[in-house]
Amino acid sequence: PGAVAYRLRLDLRRRTDRRSAALPAEFSVARGLPGGRSPSPLTRREAEVLRLLAAGSSTALVAQRLGISATTVRNHVQRLLDRLGVHSRLEAVALARGNGWVD
């Protein structure tokens, strides 16, 4: 899980840097993030949740595997969606797979 989190953070930094350099200032707002905030690197726990979602795990299964409540899983999911600038779990998993963050 630590390696996945590291790869996610590194790739997000690179994508954010490339986006910022390639776009004029008026277009530097990351898609889906209010207030023009850039995507933040995922925490280790958010990366673990994303990896489990990519493996097809439900909220209940993620909660069981990580030893946390379903509400906490939903909170982690919402934060990782916000950080990645996507609107659904499916989009997050597609982005992660497309960038090689998860298998």
N, C-alpha and C. Protein backbone atom coordinates (compact mmCIF):
# COMPACT_ATOMS: atom_id res chain seq x y z
N PRO A 1 0.81 -1.21 0.00
CA PRO A 1 0.00 0.00 0.00
C PRO A 1 0.85 1.27 0.00
N GLY A 2 1.99 1.26 0.68
CA GLY A 2 2.83 2.44 0.71
C GLY A 2 3.37 2.79 -0.66
N ALA A 3 3.72 1.77 -1.43
CA ALA A 3 4.23 2.00 -2.78
C ALA A 3 3.15 2.58 -3.68
N VAL A 4 1.93 2.11 -3.53
CA VAL A 4 0.81 2.63 -4.33
C VAL A 4 0.59 4.09 -3.99
N ALA A 5 0.57 4.42 -2.71
CA ALA A 5 0.37 5.82 -2.29
C ALA A 5 1.48 6.71 -2.84
N TYR A 6 2.71 6.22 -2.78
CA TYR A 6 3.84 6.99 -3.29
C TYR A 6 3.68 7.25 -4.79
N ARG A 7 3.34 6.19 -5.56
CA ARG A 7 3.17 6.35 -7.01
C ARG A 7 2.04 7.32 -7.32
N LEU A 8 0.94 7.24 -6.57
CA LEU A 8 -0.18 8.16 -6.77
C LEU A 8 0.25 9.60 -6.53
N ARG A 9 0.94 9.83 -5.41
CA ARG A 9 1.37 11.19 -5.09
C ARG A 9 2.32 11.72 -6.15
N LEU A 10 3.27 10.92 -6.56
CA LEU A 10 4.24 11.33 -7.56
C LEU A 10 3.56 11.65 -8.88
N ASP A 11 2.66 10.78 -9.31
CA ASP A 11 1.98 11.00 -10.58
C ASP A 11 1.07 12.22 -10.52
N LEU A 12 0.37 12.41 -9.42
CA LEU A 12 -0.49 13.59 -9.29
C LEU A 12 0.33 14.87 -9.34
N ARG A 13 1.49 14.88 -8.68
CA ARG A 13 2.35 16.05 -8.74
C ARG A 13 2.78 16.34 -10.17
N ARG A 14 3.20 15.30 -10.88
CA ARG A 14 3.64 15.48 -12.27
C ARG A 14 2.50 16.00 -13.15
N ARG A 15 1.31 15.39 -13.00
CA ARG A 15 0.16 15.83 -13.81
C ARG A 15 -0.21 17.26 -13.50
N THR A 16 -0.19 17.63 -12.23
CA THR A 16 -0.53 18.99 -11.84
C THR A 16 0.50 19.97 -12.39
N ASP A 17 1.78 19.63 -12.29
CA ASP A 17 2.83 20.50 -12.82
C ASP A 17 2.69 20.67 -14.32
N ARG A 18 2.44 19.57 -15.05
CA ARG A 18 2.28 19.64 -16.50
C ARG A 18 1.07 20.48 -16.87
N ARG A 19 -0.04 20.27 -16.16
CA ARG A 19 -1.25 21.04 -16.44
C ARG A 19 -1.01 22.52 -16.24
N SER A 20 -0.36 22.87 -15.15
CA SER A 20 -0.13 24.28 -14.84
C SER A 20 0.77 24.92 -15.88
N ALA A 21 1.79 24.20 -16.33
CA ALA A 21 2.72 24.75 -17.30
C ALA A 21 2.10 24.87 -18.68
N ALA A 22 1.19 23.97 -19.02
CA ALA A 22 0.64 23.93 -20.37
C ALA A 22 -0.54 24.86 -20.58
N LEU A 23 -1.15 25.34 -19.52
CA LEU A 23 -2.36 26.14 -19.64
C LEU A 23 -2.13 27.58 -19.22
N PRO A 24 -2.82 28.52 -19.89
CA PRO A 24 -2.77 29.90 -19.43
C PRO A 24 -3.34 30.00 -18.02
N ALA A 25 -3.00 31.03 -17.30
CA ALA A 25 -3.41 31.18 -15.90
C ALA A 25 -4.92 31.07 -15.72
N GLU A 26 -5.70 31.62 -16.64
CA GLU A 26 -7.16 31.59 -16.47
C GLU A 26 -7.74 30.18 -16.60
N PHE A 27 -6.97 29.23 -17.08
CA PHE A 27 -7.43 27.85 -17.22
C PHE A 27 -6.74 26.90 -16.24
N SER A 28 -6.11 27.45 -15.22
CA SER A 28 -5.33 26.60 -14.32
C SER A 28 -6.16 25.94 -13.24
N VAL A 29 -7.46 26.17 -13.22
CA VAL A 29 -8.33 25.55 -12.22
C VAL A 29 -8.49 24.08 -12.56
N ALA A 30 -8.19 23.22 -11.61
CA ALA A 30 -8.33 21.77 -11.82
C ALA A 30 -9.81 21.43 -11.93
N ARG A 31 -10.16 20.58 -12.87
CA ARG A 31 -11.54 20.18 -13.08
C ARG A 31 -12.10 19.54 -11.82
N GLY A 32 -13.27 20.01 -11.44
CA GLY A 32 -13.98 19.39 -10.33
C GLY A 32 -13.58 19.87 -8.95
N LEU A 33 -12.63 20.78 -8.83
CA LEU A 33 -12.24 21.25 -7.51
C LEU A 33 -12.70 22.68 -7.30
N PRO A 34 -13.51 22.92 -6.27
CA PRO A 34 -14.00 24.28 -6.03
C PRO A 34 -12.87 25.21 -5.61
N GLY A 35 -13.02 26.46 -5.93
CA GLY A 35 -12.06 27.46 -5.49
C GLY A 35 -10.71 27.41 -6.18
N GLY A 36 -10.59 26.64 -7.25
CA GLY A 36 -9.35 26.59 -8.01
C GLY A 36 -8.23 25.83 -7.34
N ARG A 37 -8.55 25.00 -6.36
CA ARG A 37 -7.52 24.22 -5.69
C ARG A 37 -6.98 23.15 -6.63
N SER A 38 -5.70 22.88 -6.52
CA SER A 38 -5.08 21.81 -7.30
C SER A 38 -5.29 20.49 -6.58
N PRO A 39 -5.25 19.38 -7.33
CA PRO A 39 -5.38 18.08 -6.67
C PRO A 39 -4.27 17.88 -5.65
N SER A 40 -4.62 17.39 -4.49
CA SER A 40 -3.63 17.09 -3.46
C SER A 40 -3.26 15.63 -3.57
N PRO A 41 -2.07 15.29 -3.15
CA PRO A 41 -1.70 13.87 -3.14
C PRO A 41 -2.63 13.11 -2.20
N LEU A 42 -2.88 11.88 -2.54
CA LEU A 42 -3.72 11.05 -1.68
C LEU A 42 -2.96 10.64 -0.44
N THR A 43 -3.68 10.50 0.65
CA THR A 43 -3.07 9.95 1.85
C THR A 43 -2.86 8.45 1.63
N ARG A 44 -2.08 7.86 2.50
CA ARG A 44 -1.85 6.41 2.40
C ARG A 44 -3.19 5.67 2.49
N ARG A 45 -4.05 6.08 3.41
CA ARG A 45 -5.35 5.41 3.59
C ARG A 45 -6.23 5.58 2.35
N GLU A 46 -6.26 6.78 1.78
CA GLU A 46 -7.05 6.99 0.57
C GLU A 46 -6.54 6.12 -0.57
N ALA A 47 -5.22 5.97 -0.67
CA ALA A 47 -4.65 5.10 -1.70
C ALA A 47 -5.04 3.65 -1.47
N GLU A 48 -5.08 3.22 -0.20
CA GLU A 48 -5.52 1.86 0.12
C GLU A 48 -6.98 1.66 -0.29
N VAL A 49 -7.81 2.65 0.02
CA VAL A 49 -9.23 2.57 -0.34
C VAL A 49 -9.36 2.50 -1.86
N LEU A 50 -8.62 3.33 -2.58
CA LEU A 50 -8.69 3.31 -4.04
C LEU A 50 -8.26 1.96 -4.60
N ARG A 51 -7.20 1.39 -4.03
CA ARG A 51 -6.73 0.07 -4.48
C ARG A 51 -7.82 -0.98 -4.28
N LEU A 52 -8.50 -0.95 -3.14
CA LEU A 52 -9.56 -1.92 -2.86
C LEU A 52 -10.77 -1.68 -3.76
N LEU A 53 -11.09 -0.42 -4.04
CA LEU A 53 -12.18 -0.14 -4.97
C LEU A 53 -11.86 -0.68 -6.36
N ALA A 54 -10.60 -0.51 -6.77
CA ALA A 54 -10.18 -1.02 -8.08
C ALA A 54 -10.27 -2.53 -8.15
N ALA A 55 -10.14 -3.19 -7.00
CA ALA A 55 -10.26 -4.65 -6.94
C ALA A 55 -11.72 -5.09 -6.88
N GLY A 56 -12.65 -4.12 -6.89
CA GLY A 56 -14.07 -4.46 -6.90
C GLY A 56 -14.72 -4.55 -5.54
N SER A 57 -14.05 -4.09 -4.51
CA SER A 57 -14.59 -4.17 -3.15
C SER A 57 -15.70 -3.16 -2.92
N SER A 58 -16.71 -3.58 -2.19
CA SER A 58 -17.80 -2.69 -1.79
C SER A 58 -17.36 -1.86 -0.58
N THR A 59 -18.17 -0.88 -0.23
CA THR A 59 -17.88 -0.07 0.96
C THR A 59 -17.75 -0.96 2.19
N ALA A 60 -18.69 -1.89 2.35
CA ALA A 60 -18.67 -2.79 3.51
C ALA A 60 -17.41 -3.64 3.54
N LEU A 61 -17.00 -4.15 2.38
CA LEU A 61 -15.80 -4.99 2.33
C LEU A 61 -14.54 -4.17 2.61
N VAL A 62 -14.47 -2.96 2.07
CA VAL A 62 -13.33 -2.09 2.35
C VAL A 62 -13.25 -1.82 3.85
N ALA A 63 -14.40 -1.52 4.46
CA ALA A 63 -14.45 -1.26 5.90
C ALA A 63 -13.95 -2.46 6.69
N GLN A 64 -14.41 -3.63 6.30
CA GLN A 64 -14.01 -4.86 7.00
C GLN A 64 -12.51 -5.10 6.85
N ARG A 65 -12.00 -4.97 5.65
CA ARG A 65 -10.57 -5.24 5.40
C ARG A 65 -9.66 -4.25 6.11
N LEU A 66 -10.11 -2.99 6.21
CA LEU A 66 -9.26 -1.97 6.83
C LEU A 66 -9.55 -1.78 8.32
N GLY A 67 -10.60 -2.44 8.81
CA GLY A 67 -10.94 -2.33 10.22
C GLY A 67 -11.49 -0.97 10.61
N ILE A 68 -12.25 -0.36 9.70
CA ILE A 68 -12.86 0.95 9.95
C ILE A 68 -14.34 0.87 9.63
N SER A 69 -15.08 1.90 9.97
CA SER A 69 -16.53 1.87 9.72
C SER A 69 -16.83 2.21 8.25
N ALA A 70 -18.02 1.83 7.82
CA ALA A 70 -18.46 2.14 6.45
C ALA A 70 -18.54 3.66 6.25
N THR A 71 -18.93 4.38 7.29
CA THR A 71 -18.99 5.85 7.20
C THR A 71 -17.60 6.42 6.95
N THR A 72 -16.60 5.88 7.62
CA THR A 72 -15.22 6.34 7.42
C THR A 72 -14.76 6.03 6.00
N VAL A 73 -15.13 4.87 5.49
CA VAL A 73 -14.79 4.53 4.10
C VAL A 73 -15.42 5.54 3.16
N ARG A 74 -16.69 5.85 3.36
CA ARG A 74 -17.37 6.83 2.50
C ARG A 74 -16.68 8.19 2.57
N ASN A 75 -16.22 8.57 3.76
CA ASN A 75 -15.49 9.84 3.89
C ASN A 75 -14.18 9.80 3.11
N HIS A 76 -13.44 8.70 3.21
CA HIS A 76 -12.19 8.55 2.45
C HIS A 76 -12.47 8.61 0.95
N VAL A 77 -13.52 7.93 0.52
CA VAL A 77 -13.87 7.92 -0.90
C VAL A 77 -14.18 9.34 -1.37
N GLN A 78 -14.98 10.07 -0.61
CA GLN A 78 -15.33 11.43 -1.02
C GLN A 78 -14.10 12.32 -1.11
N ARG A 79 -13.19 12.19 -0.16
CA ARG A 79 -11.97 12.99 -0.20
C ARG A 79 -11.09 12.62 -1.39
N LEU A 80 -10.98 11.33 -1.69
CA LEU A 80 -10.12 10.95 -2.82
C LEU A 80 -10.76 11.38 -4.14
N LEU A 81 -12.09 11.35 -4.23
CA LEU A 81 -12.76 11.85 -5.44
C LEU A 81 -12.45 13.34 -5.61
N ASP A 82 -12.56 14.10 -4.53
CA ASP A 82 -12.27 15.53 -4.59
C ASP A 82 -10.82 15.79 -4.99
N ARG A 83 -9.90 15.05 -4.40
CA ARG A 83 -8.48 15.25 -4.70
C ARG A 83 -8.13 14.89 -6.14
N LEU A 84 -8.79 13.87 -6.67
CA LEU A 84 -8.51 13.45 -8.04
C LEU A 84 -9.28 14.27 -9.06
N GLY A 85 -10.27 15.03 -8.61
CA GLY A 85 -11.05 15.85 -9.52
C GLY A 85 -12.02 15.04 -10.35
N VAL A 86 -12.54 13.96 -9.78
CA VAL A 86 -13.51 13.11 -10.48
C VAL A 86 -14.80 13.09 -9.67
N HIS A 87 -15.86 12.54 -10.26
CA HIS A 87 -17.17 12.59 -9.64
C HIS A 87 -17.73 11.25 -9.21
N SER A 88 -17.03 10.17 -9.50
CA SER A 88 -17.56 8.86 -9.11
C SER A 88 -16.41 7.90 -8.83
N ARG A 89 -16.75 6.83 -8.15
CA ARG A 89 -15.77 5.78 -7.88
C ARG A 89 -15.25 5.19 -9.19
N LEU A 90 -16.16 5.02 -10.13
CA LEU A 90 -15.78 4.46 -11.42
C LEU A 90 -14.75 5.34 -12.12
N GLU A 91 -14.97 6.65 -12.10
CA GLU A 91 -14.00 7.56 -12.71
C GLU A 91 -12.65 7.49 -11.99
N ALA A 92 -12.68 7.40 -10.67
CA ALA A 92 -11.44 7.32 -9.89
C ALA A 92 -10.66 6.06 -10.25
N VAL A 93 -11.36 4.94 -10.34
CA VAL A 93 -10.71 3.67 -10.68
C VAL A 93 -10.18 3.72 -12.11
N ALA A 94 -10.97 4.28 -13.03
CA ALA A 94 -10.52 4.38 -14.42
C ALA A 94 -9.26 5.25 -14.51
N LEU A 95 -9.24 6.36 -13.78
CA LEU A 95 -8.07 7.23 -13.77
C LEU A 95 -6.87 6.50 -13.19
N ALA A 96 -7.07 5.79 -12.10
CA ALA A 96 -5.98 5.05 -11.46
C ALA A 96 -5.44 3.96 -12.38
N ARG A 97 -6.32 3.23 -13.03
CA ARG A 97 -5.87 2.18 -13.96
C ARG A 97 -5.19 2.78 -15.17
N GLY A 98 -5.76 3.85 -15.71
CA GLY A 98 -5.19 4.49 -16.89
C GLY A 98 -3.79 5.04 -16.65
N ASN A 99 -3.51 5.40 -15.41
CA ASN A 99 -2.20 5.96 -15.07
C ASN A 99 -1.26 4.93 -14.45
N GLY A 100 -1.72 3.67 -14.38
CA GLY A 100 -0.87 2.61 -13.85
C GLY A 100 -0.69 2.64 -12.34
N TRP A 101 -1.58 3.35 -11.63
CA TRP A 101 -1.48 3.41 -10.17
C TRP A 101 -1.93 2.12 -9.53
N VAL A 102 -2.86 1.42 -10.17
CA VAL A 102 -3.36 0.13 -9.68
C VAL A 102 -3.41 -0.83 -10.84
N ASP A 103 -3.44 -2.12 -10.53
CA ASP A 103 -3.51 -3.14 -11.58
C ASP A 103 -4.94 -3.39 -11.98
